[in-house]
Amino acid sequence: MVDELEDSAQNPEERRRYNRSRLIVDVFFNGTDSTGVASTKDISIGGFYMNTQANLPEGSVLLVRIPFGDAQQVVANAEVVYSNAGHGVGLRFQSLSDENRVLIERGLGSG
């Protein structure tokens, strides 16, 4: 039981499955109640952190468009898994396509 409590107390950095890389680009997002443009802070093939003042509650699903140069962009659904109201949200990609995965890996220099 103590181990379970310690695991749940880990900060988000320690729970990540994928290494994130710093990438600051504009992200276009569209959800049921919010549409806008925000900026990324970091990104991986698992998800990313988005700086925004929009109120995006945990569990919300957004359609996101992230440009990766050469007129290419990742278009995917992402779920809000962490919300820091007024500052930003942590998002996890849902069913990232192989094409989008390759685009992110190339954009981050790991593919």
PDB file of N, CA and C in Angstrom:
ATOM      1  N   MET A   1       0.818  -1.190   0.000  1.00  0.00           N
ATOM      2  CA  MET A   1       0.000   0.000   0.000  1.00  0.00           C
ATOM      3  C   MET A   1       0.863   1.254   0.000  1.00  0.00           C
ATOM      4  N   VAL A   2       1.941   1.267   0.759  1.00  0.00           N
ATOM      5  CA  VAL A   2       2.824   2.432   0.796  1.00  0.00           C
ATOM      6  C   VAL A   2       3.431   2.668  -0.579  1.00  0.00           C
ATOM      7  N   ASP A   3       3.841   1.593  -1.279  1.00  0.00           N
ATOM      8  CA  ASP A   3       4.407   1.739  -2.611  1.00  0.00           C
ATOM      9  C   ASP A   3       3.419   2.398  -3.559  1.00  0.00           C
ATOM     10  N   GLU A   4       2.137   2.015  -3.469  1.00  0.00           N
ATOM     11  CA  GLU A   4       1.137   2.613  -4.337  1.00  0.00           C
ATOM     12  C   GLU A   4       1.006   4.103  -4.068  1.00  0.00           C
ATOM     13  N   LEU A   5       1.027   4.498  -2.815  1.00  0.00           N
ATOM     14  CA  LEU A   5       0.934   5.915  -2.475  1.00  0.00           C
ATOM     15  C   LEU A   5       2.146   6.676  -2.974  1.00  0.00           C
ATOM     16  N   GLU A   6       3.309   6.087  -2.840  1.00  0.00           N
ATOM     17  CA  GLU A   6       4.521   6.755  -3.320  1.00  0.00           C
ATOM     18  C   GLU A   6       4.482   6.914  -4.826  1.00  0.00           C
ATOM     19  N   ASP A   7       3.997   5.880  -5.549  1.00  0.00           N
ATOM     20  CA  ASP A   7       3.903   5.973  -6.998  1.00  0.00           C
ATOM     21  C   ASP A   7       2.959   7.089  -7.422  1.00  0.00           C
ATOM     22  N   SER A   8       1.831   7.216  -6.719  1.00  0.00           N
ATOM     23  CA  SER A   8       0.869   8.239  -7.099  1.00  0.00           C
ATOM     24  C   SER A   8       1.359   9.635  -6.729  1.00  0.00           C
ATOM     25  N   ALA A   9       2.329   9.736  -5.857  1.00  0.00           N
ATOM     26  CA  ALA A   9       2.845  11.035  -5.437  1.00  0.00           C
ATOM     27  C   ALA A   9       3.959  11.535  -6.349  1.00  0.00           C
ATOM     28  N   GLN A  10       4.405  10.719  -7.302  1.00  0.00           N
ATOM     29  CA  GLN A  10       5.463  11.161  -8.205  1.00  0.00           C
ATOM     30  C   GLN A  10       4.983  12.342  -9.025  1.00  0.00           C
ATOM     31  N   ASN A  11       5.916  13.230  -9.337  1.00  0.00           N
ATOM     32  CA  ASN A  11       5.526  14.357 -10.170  1.00  0.00           C
ATOM     33  C   ASN A  11       5.369  13.905 -11.620  1.00  0.00           C
ATOM     34  N   PRO A  12       4.675  14.694 -12.453  1.00  0.00           N
ATOM     35  CA  PRO A  12       4.423  14.291 -13.835  1.00  0.00           C
ATOM     36  C   PRO A  12       5.687  13.978 -14.629  1.00  0.00           C
ATOM     37  N   GLU A  13       6.807  14.685 -14.360  1.00  0.00           N
ATOM     38  CA  GLU A  13       8.053  14.423 -15.075  1.00  0.00           C
ATOM     39  C   GLU A  13       8.493  12.980 -14.896  1.00  0.00           C
ATOM     40  N   GLU A  14       8.309  12.416 -13.699  1.00  0.00           N
ATOM     41  CA  GLU A  14       8.781  11.074 -13.408  1.00  0.00           C
ATOM     42  C   GLU A  14       7.845   9.998 -13.948  1.00  0.00           C
ATOM     43  N   ARG A  15       6.592  10.346 -14.273  1.00  0.00           N
ATOM     44  CA  ARG A  15       5.626   9.371 -14.751  1.00  0.00           C
ATOM     45  C   ARG A  15       5.597   9.268 -16.264  1.00  0.00           C
ATOM     46  N   ARG A  16       6.290  10.099 -16.976  1.00  0.00           N
ATOM     47  CA  ARG A  16       6.231  10.104 -18.438  1.00  0.00           C
ATOM     48  C   ARG A  16       6.822   8.842 -19.035  1.00  0.00           C
ATOM     49  N   ARG A  17       6.162   8.355 -20.075  1.00  0.00           N
ATOM     50  CA  ARG A  17       6.643   7.167 -20.778  1.00  0.00           C
ATOM     51  C   ARG A  17       7.663   7.532 -21.860  1.00  0.00           C
ATOM     52  N   TYR A  18       7.559   8.755 -22.406  1.00  0.00           N
ATOM     53  CA  TYR A  18       8.410   9.184 -23.508  1.00  0.00           C
ATOM     54  C   TYR A  18       9.184  10.430 -23.097  1.00  0.00           C
ATOM     55  N   ASN A  19      10.417  10.516 -23.557  1.00  0.00           N
ATOM     56  CA  ASN A  19      11.202  11.721 -23.303  1.00  0.00           C
ATOM     57  C   ASN A  19      10.634  12.863 -24.131  1.00  0.00           C
ATOM     58  N   ARG A  20      10.525  14.006 -23.501  1.00  0.00           N
ATOM     59  CA  ARG A  20      10.028  15.180 -24.204  1.00  0.00           C
ATOM     60  C   ARG A  20      11.178  16.078 -24.607  1.00  0.00           C
ATOM     61  N   SER A  21      10.977  16.780 -25.717  1.00  0.00           N
ATOM     62  CA  SER A  21      11.956  17.746 -26.202  1.00  0.00           C
ATOM     63  C   SER A  21      11.315  19.116 -26.216  1.00  0.00           C
ATOM     64  N   ARG A  22      12.129  20.122 -25.938  1.00  0.00           N
ATOM     65  CA  ARG A  22      11.621  21.495 -25.968  1.00  0.00           C
ATOM     66  C   ARG A  22      11.302  21.848 -27.419  1.00  0.00           C
ATOM     67  N   LEU A  23      10.096  22.303 -27.632  1.00  0.00           N
ATOM     68  CA  LEU A  23       9.661  22.750 -28.949  1.00  0.00           C
ATOM     69  C   LEU A  23       8.610  23.829 -28.730  1.00  0.00           C
ATOM     70  N   ILE A  24       8.865  25.006 -29.251  1.00  0.00           N
ATOM     71  CA  ILE A  24       7.921  26.103 -29.071  1.00  0.00           C
ATOM     72  C   ILE A  24       7.373  26.494 -30.440  1.00  0.00           C
ATOM     73  N   VAL A  25       6.140  26.088 -30.684  1.00  0.00           N
ATOM     74  CA  VAL A  25       5.428  26.427 -31.915  1.00  0.00           C
ATOM     75  C   VAL A  25       3.973  26.718 -31.547  1.00  0.00           C
ATOM     76  N   ASP A  26       3.274  27.383 -32.450  1.00  0.00           N
ATOM     77  CA  ASP A  26       1.852  27.615 -32.240  1.00  0.00           C
ATOM     78  C   ASP A  26       1.080  26.330 -32.486  1.00  0.00           C
ATOM     79  N   VAL A  27       0.108  26.070 -31.631  1.00  0.00           N
ATOM     80  CA  VAL A  27      -0.775  24.915 -31.753  1.00  0.00           C
ATOM     81  C   VAL A  27      -2.186  25.449 -31.928  1.00  0.00           C
ATOM     82  N   PHE A  28      -2.884  24.936 -32.899  1.00  0.00           N
ATOM     83  CA  PHE A  28      -4.271  25.303 -33.118  1.00  0.00           C
ATOM     84  C   PHE A  28      -5.116  24.202 -32.491  1.00  0.00           C
ATOM     85  N   PHE A  29      -6.057  24.573 -31.621  1.00  0.00           N
ATOM     86  CA  PHE A  29      -6.865  23.554 -30.965  1.00  0.00           C
ATOM     87  C   PHE A  29      -8.344  23.875 -31.074  1.00  0.00           C
ATOM     88  N   ASN A  30      -9.138  22.805 -31.093  1.00  0.00           N
ATOM     89  CA  ASN A  30     -10.575  22.932 -31.182  1.00  0.00           C
ATOM     90  C   ASN A  30     -11.193  21.860 -30.300  1.00  0.00           C
ATOM     91  N   GLY A  31     -12.007  22.287 -29.337  1.00  0.00           N
ATOM     92  CA  GLY A  31     -12.713  21.371 -28.458  1.00  0.00           C
ATOM     93  C   GLY A  31     -14.189  21.697 -28.486  1.00  0.00           C
ATOM     94  N   THR A  32     -14.959  21.044 -27.649  1.00  0.00           N
ATOM     95  CA  THR A  32     -16.400  21.278 -27.658  1.00  0.00           C
ATOM     96  C   THR A  32     -16.745  22.692 -27.212  1.00  0.00           C
ATOM     97  N   ASP A  33     -15.992  23.247 -26.270  1.00  0.00           N
ATOM     98  CA  ASP A  33     -16.295  24.578 -25.754  1.00  0.00           C
ATOM     99  C   ASP A  33     -15.196  25.599 -26.010  1.00  0.00           C
ATOM    100  N   SER A  34     -14.066  25.196 -26.560  1.00  0.00           N
ATOM    101  CA  SER A  34     -12.937  26.108 -26.734  1.00  0.00           C
ATOM    102  C   SER A  34     -12.261  25.909 -28.078  1.00  0.00           C
ATOM    103  N   THR A  35     -11.903  27.018 -28.674  1.00  0.00           N
ATOM    104  CA  THR A  35     -11.125  27.022 -29.900  1.00  0.00           C
ATOM    105  C   THR A  35     -10.083  28.110 -29.741  1.00  0.00           C
ATOM    106  N   GLY A  36      -8.868  27.846 -30.198  1.00  0.00           N
ATOM    107  CA  GLY A  36      -7.863  28.882 -30.066  1.00  0.00           C
ATOM    108  C   GLY A  36      -6.511  28.485 -30.590  1.00  0.00           C
ATOM    109  N   VAL A  37      -5.559  29.363 -30.318  1.00  0.00           N
ATOM    110  CA  VAL A  37      -4.162  29.153 -30.667  1.00  0.00           C
ATOM    111  C   VAL A  37      -3.368  29.271 -29.382  1.00  0.00           C
ATOM    112  N   ALA A  38      -2.479  28.331 -29.154  1.00  0.00           N
ATOM    113  CA  ALA A  38      -1.632  28.342 -27.970  1.00  0.00           C
ATOM    114  C   ALA A  38      -0.222  27.992 -28.414  1.00  0.00           C
ATOM    115  N   SER A  39       0.701  27.958 -27.479  1.00  0.00           N
ATOM    116  CA  SER A  39       2.057  27.562 -27.841  1.00  0.00           C
ATOM    117  C   SER A  39       2.457  26.328 -27.043  1.00  0.00           C
ATOM    118  N   THR A  40       3.287  25.516 -27.671  1.00  0.00           N
ATOM    119  CA  THR A  40       3.795  24.346 -26.969  1.00  0.00           C
ATOM    120  C   THR A  40       4.958  24.766 -26.088  1.00  0.00           C
ATOM    121  N   LYS A  41       5.232  23.940 -25.113  1.00  0.00           N
ATOM    122  CA  LYS A  41       6.407  24.128 -24.267  1.00  0.00           C
ATOM    123  C   LYS A  41       7.379  22.987 -24.542  1.00  0.00           C
ATOM    124  N   ASP A  42       6.823  21.782 -24.602  1.00  0.00           N
ATOM    125  CA  ASP A  42       7.607  20.598 -24.938  1.00  0.00           C
ATOM    126  C   ASP A  42       6.679  19.572 -25.558  1.00  0.00           C
ATOM    127  N   ILE A  43       7.272  18.575 -26.217  1.00  0.00           N
ATOM    128  CA  ILE A  43       6.467  17.601 -26.945  1.00  0.00           C
ATOM    129  C   ILE A  43       7.213  16.276 -27.033  1.00  0.00           C
ATOM    130  N   SER A  44       6.453  15.199 -27.128  1.00  0.00           N
ATOM    131  CA  SER A  44       6.987  13.866 -27.396  1.00  0.00           C
ATOM    132  C   SER A  44       5.958  13.129 -28.230  1.00  0.00           C
ATOM    133  N   ILE A  45       6.244  11.890 -28.587  1.00  0.00           N
ATOM    134  CA  ILE A  45       5.249  11.126 -29.327  1.00  0.00           C
ATOM    135  C   ILE A  45       4.075  10.715 -28.444  1.00  0.00           C
ATOM    136  N   GLY A  46       4.207  10.910 -27.142  1.00  0.00           N
ATOM    137  CA  GLY A  46       3.119  10.598 -26.219  1.00  0.00           C
ATOM    138  C   GLY A  46       2.182  11.767 -25.981  1.00  0.00           C
ATOM    139  N   GLY A  47       2.693  12.996 -26.080  1.00  0.00           N
ATOM    140  CA  GLY A  47       1.862  14.159 -25.828  1.00  0.00           C
ATOM    141  C   GLY A  47       2.696  15.412 -25.714  1.00  0.00           C
ATOM    142  N   PHE A  48       2.092  16.465 -25.155  1.00  0.00           N
ATOM    143  CA  PHE A  48       2.809  17.736 -25.048  1.00  0.00           C
ATOM    144  C   PHE A  48       2.153  18.626 -24.009  1.00  0.00           C
ATOM    145  N   TYR A  49       2.882  19.667 -23.642  1.00  0.00           N
ATOM    146  CA  TYR A  49       2.355  20.697 -22.747  1.00  0.00           C
ATOM    147  C   TYR A  49       2.047  21.917 -23.596  1.00  0.00           C
ATOM    148  N   MET A  50       0.888  22.505 -23.369  1.00  0.00           N
ATOM    149  CA  MET A  50       0.449  23.642 -24.157  1.00  0.00           C
ATOM    150  C   MET A  50       0.174  24.821 -23.221  1.00  0.00           C
ATOM    151  N   ASN A  51       0.846  25.944 -23.461  1.00  0.00           N
ATOM    152  CA  ASN A  51       0.601  27.170 -22.702  1.00  0.00           C
ATOM    153  C   ASN A  51      -0.678  27.816 -23.208  1.00  0.00           C
ATOM    154  N   THR A  52      -1.653  27.975 -22.335  1.00  0.00           N
ATOM    155  CA  THR A  52      -2.912  28.619 -22.712  1.00  0.00           C
ATOM    156  C   THR A  52      -3.635  29.104 -21.468  1.00  0.00           C
ATOM    157  N   GLN A  53      -4.374  30.174 -21.621  1.00  0.00           N
ATOM    158  CA  GLN A  53      -5.204  30.662 -20.529  1.00  0.00           C
ATOM    159  C   GLN A  53      -6.622  30.113 -20.628  1.00  0.00           C
ATOM    160  N   ALA A  54      -6.911  29.365 -21.694  1.00  0.00           N
ATOM    161  CA  ALA A  54      -8.242  28.782 -21.878  1.00  0.00           C
ATOM    162  C   ALA A  54      -8.540  27.790 -20.758  1.00  0.00           C
ATOM    163  N   ASN A  55      -9.785  27.719 -20.353  1.00  0.00           N
ATOM    164  CA  ASN A  55     -10.213  26.767 -19.337  1.00  0.00           C
ATOM    165  C   ASN A  55     -10.507  25.429 -20.016  1.00  0.00           C
ATOM    166  N   LEU A  56      -9.569  24.499 -19.907  1.00  0.00           N
ATOM    167  CA  LEU A  56      -9.692  23.181 -20.522  1.00  0.00           C
ATOM    168  C   LEU A  56      -9.612  22.129 -19.428  1.00  0.00           C
ATOM    169  N   PRO A  57     -10.757  21.632 -18.959  1.00  0.00           N
ATOM    170  CA  PRO A  57     -10.749  20.685 -17.845  1.00  0.00           C
ATOM    171  C   PRO A  57     -10.149  19.331 -18.211  1.00  0.00           C
ATOM    172  N   GLU A  58      -9.611  18.650 -17.205  1.00  0.00           N
ATOM    173  CA  GLU A  58      -9.079  17.305 -17.406  1.00  0.00           C
ATOM    174  C   GLU A  58     -10.164  16.421 -17.992  1.00  0.00           C
ATOM    175  N   GLY A  59      -9.764  15.582 -18.944  1.00  0.00           N
ATOM    176  CA  GLY A  59     -10.707  14.695 -19.616  1.00  0.00           C
ATOM    177  C   GLY A  59     -11.234  15.254 -20.922  1.00  0.00           C
ATOM    178  N   SER A  60     -11.060  16.560 -21.152  1.00  0.00           N
ATOM    179  CA  SER A  60     -11.495  17.165 -22.415  1.00  0.00           C
ATOM    180  C   SER A  60     -10.672  16.592 -23.562  1.00  0.00           C
ATOM    181  N   VAL A  61     -11.313  16.423 -24.708  1.00  0.00           N
ATOM    182  CA  VAL A  61     -10.605  15.958 -25.902  1.00  0.00           C
ATOM    183  C   VAL A  61     -10.601  17.091 -26.920  1.00  0.00           C
ATOM    184  N   LEU A  62      -9.417  17.385 -27.423  1.00  0.00           N
ATOM    185  CA  LEU A  62      -9.233  18.463 -28.395  1.00  0.00           C
ATOM    186  C   LEU A  62      -8.721  17.903 -29.707  1.00  0.00           C
ATOM    187  N   LEU A  63      -9.094  18.533 -30.795  1.00  0.00           N
ATOM    188  CA  LEU A  63      -8.453  18.286 -32.077  1.00  0.00           C
ATOM    189  C   LEU A  63      -7.331  19.309 -32.162  1.00  0.00           C
ATOM    190  N   VAL A  64      -6.089  18.854 -32.334  1.00  0.00           N
ATOM    191  CA  VAL A  64      -4.949  19.769 -32.368  1.00  0.00           C
ATOM    192  C   VAL A  64      -4.253  19.698 -33.714  1.00  0.00           C
ATOM    193  N   ARG A  65      -3.723  20.841 -34.140  1.00  0.00           N
ATOM    194  CA  ARG A  65      -2.895  20.931 -35.349  1.00  0.00           C
ATOM    195  C   ARG A  65      -1.574  21.568 -34.949  1.00  0.00           C
ATOM    196  N   ILE A  66      -0.490  20.827 -35.167  1.00  0.00           N
ATOM    197  CA  ILE A  66       0.840  21.301 -34.782  1.00  0.00           C
ATOM    198  C   ILE A  66       1.709  21.352 -36.042  1.00  0.00           C
ATOM    199  N   PRO A  67       2.159  22.543 -36.451  1.00  0.00           N
ATOM    200  CA  PRO A  67       2.998  22.644 -37.651  1.00  0.00           C
ATOM    201  C   PRO A  67       4.412  22.124 -37.393  1.00  0.00           C
ATOM    202  N   PHE A  68       4.962  21.440 -38.400  1.00  0.00           N
ATOM    203  CA  PHE A  68       6.323  20.918 -38.324  1.00  0.00           C
ATOM    204  C   PHE A  68       7.116  21.279 -39.566  1.00  0.00           C
ATOM    205  N   GLY A  69       7.079  22.526 -39.979  1.00  0.00           N
ATOM    206  CA  GLY A  69       7.880  22.998 -41.112  1.00  0.00           C
ATOM    207  C   GLY A  69       7.520  22.314 -42.415  1.00  0.00           C
ATOM    208  N   ASP A  70       8.041  22.828 -43.504  1.00  0.00           N
ATOM    209  CA  ASP A  70       7.807  22.278 -44.848  1.00  0.00           C
ATOM    210  C   ASP A  70       6.328  22.039 -45.114  1.00  0.00           C
ATOM    211  N   ALA A  71       5.472  22.898 -44.586  1.00  0.00           N
ATOM    212  CA  ALA A  71       4.015  22.814 -44.777  1.00  0.00           C
ATOM    213  C   ALA A  71       3.432  21.494 -44.270  1.00  0.00           C
ATOM    214  N   GLN A  72       4.131  20.809 -43.376  1.00  0.00           N
ATOM    215  CA  GLN A  72       3.615  19.583 -42.782  1.00  0.00           C
ATOM    216  C   GLN A  72       3.076  19.893 -41.397  1.00  0.00           C
ATOM    217  N   GLN A  73       2.072  19.137 -40.986  1.00  0.00           N
ATOM    218  CA  GLN A  73       1.516  19.341 -39.661  1.00  0.00           C
ATOM    219  C   GLN A  73       0.955  18.037 -39.114  1.00  0.00           C
ATOM    220  N   VAL A  74       0.994  17.936 -37.800  1.00  0.00           N
ATOM    221  CA  VAL A  74       0.365  16.831 -37.103  1.00  0.00           C
ATOM    222  C   VAL A  74      -1.065  17.268 -36.792  1.00  0.00           C
ATOM    223  N   VAL A  75      -2.026  16.448 -37.186  1.00  0.00           N
ATOM    224  CA  VAL A  75      -3.426  16.676 -36.844  1.00  0.00           C
ATOM    225  C   VAL A  75      -3.871  15.436 -36.090  1.00  0.00           C
ATOM    226  N   ALA A  76      -4.269  15.634 -34.823  1.00  0.00           N
ATOM    227  CA  ALA A  76      -4.605  14.486 -33.985  1.00  0.00           C
ATOM    228  C   ALA A  76      -5.539  14.904 -32.859  1.00  0.00           C
ATOM    229  N   ASN A  77      -6.175  13.915 -32.261  1.00  0.00           N
ATOM    230  CA  ASN A  77      -6.943  14.149 -31.040  1.00  0.00           C
ATOM    231  C   ASN A  77      -6.000  14.013 -29.858  1.00  0.00           C
ATOM    232  N   ALA A  78      -6.220  14.856 -28.851  1.00  0.00           N
ATOM    233  CA  ALA A  78      -5.402  14.803 -27.639  1.00  0.00           C
ATOM    234  C   ALA A  78      -6.306  15.055 -26.437  1.00  0.00           C
ATOM    235  N   GLU A  79      -6.077  14.291 -25.373  1.00  0.00           N
ATOM    236  CA  GLU A  79      -6.871  14.414 -24.155  1.00  0.00           C
ATOM    237  C   GLU A  79      -6.120  15.224 -23.117  1.00  0.00           C
ATOM    238  N   VAL A  80      -6.828  16.135 -22.453  1.00  0.00           N
ATOM    239  CA  VAL A  80      -6.248  16.909 -21.366  1.00  0.00           C
ATOM    240  C   VAL A  80      -6.089  15.975 -20.167  1.00  0.00           C
ATOM    241  N   VAL A  81      -4.844  15.751 -19.749  1.00  0.00           N
ATOM    242  CA  VAL A  81      -4.581  14.868 -18.606  1.00  0.00           C
ATOM    243  C   VAL A  81      -4.121  15.651 -17.379  1.00  0.00           C
ATOM    244  N   TYR A  82      -3.791  16.905 -17.589  1.00  0.00           N
ATOM    245  CA  TYR A  82      -3.354  17.767 -16.492  1.00  0.00           C
ATOM    246  C   TYR A  82      -3.753  19.196 -16.834  1.00  0.00           C
ATOM    247  N   SER A  83      -4.359  19.895 -15.906  1.00  0.00           N
ATOM    248  CA  SER A  83      -4.764  21.267 -16.141  1.00  0.00           C
ATOM    249  C   SER A  83      -4.227  22.179 -15.049  1.00  0.00           C
ATOM    250  N   ASN A  84      -3.529  23.218 -15.459  1.00  0.00           N
ATOM    251  CA  ASN A  84      -3.031  24.236 -14.555  1.00  0.00           C
ATOM    252  C   ASN A  84      -3.750  25.529 -14.951  1.00  0.00           C
ATOM    253  N   ALA A  85      -4.949  25.707 -14.416  1.00  0.00           N
ATOM    254  CA  ALA A  85      -5.857  26.782 -14.828  1.00  0.00           C
ATOM    255  C   ALA A  85      -5.150  28.125 -14.996  1.00  0.00           C
ATOM    256  N   GLY A  86      -5.386  28.727 -16.153  1.00  0.00           N
ATOM    257  CA  GLY A  86      -4.818  30.033 -16.442  1.00  0.00           C
ATOM    258  C   GLY A  86      -3.393  30.002 -16.948  1.00  0.00           C
ATOM    259  N   HIS A  87      -2.772  28.819 -16.970  1.00  0.00           N
ATOM    260  CA  HIS A  87      -1.373  28.709 -17.401  1.00  0.00           C
ATOM    261  C   HIS A  87      -1.181  27.730 -18.554  1.00  0.00           C
ATOM    262  N   GLY A  88      -1.793  26.560 -18.463  1.00  0.00           N
ATOM    263  CA  GLY A  88      -1.610  25.587 -19.520  1.00  0.00           C
ATOM    264  C   GLY A  88      -2.162  24.229 -19.168  1.00  0.00           C
ATOM    265  N   VAL A  89      -1.990  23.297 -20.105  1.00  0.00           N
ATOM    266  CA  VAL A  89      -2.498  21.936 -19.936  1.00  0.00           C
ATOM    267  C   VAL A  89      -1.493  20.928 -20.481  1.00  0.00           C
ATOM    268  N   GLY A  90      -1.504  19.756 -19.879  1.00  0.00           N
ATOM    269  CA  GLY A  90      -0.748  18.620 -20.399  1.00  0.00           C
ATOM    270  C   GLY A  90      -1.691  17.763 -21.211  1.00  0.00           C
ATOM    271  N   LEU A  91      -1.296  17.411 -22.408  1.00  0.00           N
ATOM    272  CA  LEU A  91      -2.148  16.647 -23.317  1.00  0.00           C
ATOM    273  C   LEU A  91      -1.488  15.325 -23.694  1.00  0.00           C
ATOM    274  N   ARG A  92      -2.302  14.288 -23.834  1.00  0.00           N
ATOM    275  CA  ARG A  92      -1.828  12.980 -24.301  1.00  0.00           C
ATOM    276  C   ARG A  92      -2.495  12.699 -25.637  1.00  0.00           C
ATOM    277  N   PHE A  93      -1.674  12.367 -26.633  1.00  0.00           N
ATOM    278  CA  PHE A  93      -2.226  12.023 -27.933  1.00  0.00           C
ATOM    279  C   PHE A  93      -3.092  10.778 -27.816  1.00  0.00           C
ATOM    280  N   GLN A  94      -4.176  10.741 -28.592  1.00  0.00           N
ATOM    281  CA  GLN A  94      -5.029   9.565 -28.672  1.00  0.00           C
ATOM    282  C   GLN A  94      -4.828   8.944 -30.051  1.00  0.00           C
ATOM    283  N   SER A  95      -4.445   7.694 -30.086  1.00  0.00           N
ATOM    284  CA  SER A  95      -4.303   6.959 -31.349  1.00  0.00           C
ATOM    285  C   SER A  95      -3.501   7.733 -32.392  1.00  0.00           C
ATOM    286  N   LEU A  96      -2.284   8.090 -32.049  1.00  0.00           N
ATOM    287  CA  LEU A  96      -1.412   8.822 -32.967  1.00  0.00           C
ATOM    288  C   LEU A  96      -1.081   7.931 -34.162  1.00  0.00           C
ATOM    289  N   SER A  97      -1.330   8.412 -35.355  1.00  0.00           N
ATOM    290  CA  SER A  97      -1.068   7.619 -36.568  1.00  0.00           C
ATOM    291  C   SER A  97       0.437   7.431 -36.756  1.00  0.00           C
ATOM    292  N   ASP A  98       0.810   6.405 -37.505  1.00  0.00           N
ATOM    293  CA  ASP A  98       2.225   6.167 -37.799  1.00  0.00           C
ATOM    294  C   ASP A  98       2.837   7.367 -38.518  1.00  0.00           C
ATOM    295  N   GLU A  99       2.077   7.956 -39.434  1.00  0.00           N
ATOM    296  CA  GLU A  99       2.564   9.125 -40.180  1.00  0.00           C
ATOM    297  C   GLU A  99       2.851  10.288 -39.234  1.00  0.00           C
ATOM    298  N   ASN A 100       1.943  10.552 -38.305  1.00  0.00           N
ATOM    299  CA  ASN A 100       2.162  11.633 -37.341  1.00  0.00           C
ATOM    300  C   ASN A 100       3.315  11.323 -36.398  1.00  0.00           C
ATOM    301  N   ARG A 101       3.431  10.065 -36.000  1.00  0.00           N
ATOM    302  CA  ARG A 101       4.541   9.655 -35.127  1.00  0.00           C
ATOM    303  C   ARG A 101       5.882   9.929 -35.814  1.00  0.00           C
ATOM    304  N   VAL A 102       5.992   9.547 -37.073  1.00  0.00           N
ATOM    305  CA  VAL A 102       7.231   9.765 -37.826  1.00  0.00           C
ATOM    306  C   VAL A 102       7.507  11.259 -37.970  1.00  0.00           C
ATOM    307  N   LEU A 103       6.475  12.044 -38.225  1.00  0.00           N
ATOM    308  CA  LEU A 103       6.634  13.489 -38.385  1.00  0.00           C
ATOM    309  C   LEU A 103       7.160  14.124 -37.096  1.00  0.00           C
ATOM    310  N   ILE A 104       6.617  13.714 -35.956  1.00  0.00           N
ATOM    311  CA  ILE A 104       7.091  14.244 -34.673  1.00  0.00           C
ATOM    312  C   ILE A 104       8.534  13.812 -34.424  1.00  0.00           C
ATOM    313  N   GLU A 105       8.830  12.529 -34.635  1.00  0.00           N
ATOM    314  CA  GLU A 105      10.191  12.045 -34.395  1.00  0.00           C
ATOM    315  C   GLU A 105      11.196  12.777 -35.279  1.00  0.00           C
ATOM    316  N   ARG A 106      10.866  12.990 -36.548  1.00  0.00           N
ATOM    317  CA  ARG A 106      11.766  13.726 -37.449  1.00  0.00           C
ATOM    318  C   ARG A 106      11.923  15.174 -36.974  1.00  0.00           C
ATOM    319  N   GLY A 107      10.806  15.791 -36.599  1.00  0.00           N
ATOM    320  CA  GLY A 107      10.837  17.180 -36.160  1.00  0.00           C
ATOM    321  C   GLY A 107      11.674  17.370 -34.915  1.00  0.00           C
ATOM    322  N   LEU A 108      11.759  16.334 -34.093  1.00  0.00           N
ATOM    323  CA  LEU A 108      12.534  16.406 -32.862  1.00  0.00           C
ATOM    324  C   LEU A 108      13.936  15.851 -33.034  1.00  0.00           C
ATOM    325  N   GLY A 109      14.256  15.409 -34.239  1.00  0.00           N
ATOM    326  CA  GLY A 109      15.589  14.884 -34.517  1.00  0.00           C
ATOM    327  C   GLY A 109      15.857  13.515 -33.957  1.00  0.00           C
ATOM    328  N   SER A 110      14.793  12.738 -33.683  1.00  0.00           N
ATOM    329  CA  SER A 110      15.003  11.399 -33.147  1.00  0.00           C
ATOM    330  C   SER A 110      14.506  10.313 -34.086  1.00  0.00           C
ATOM    331  N   GLY A 111      14.259  10.661 -35.321  1.00  0.00           N
ATOM    332  CA  GLY A 111      13.750   9.647 -36.258  1.00  0.00           C
ATOM    333  C   GLY A 111      14.363   9.755 -37.611  1.00  0.00           C
TER     334      GLY A 111
END
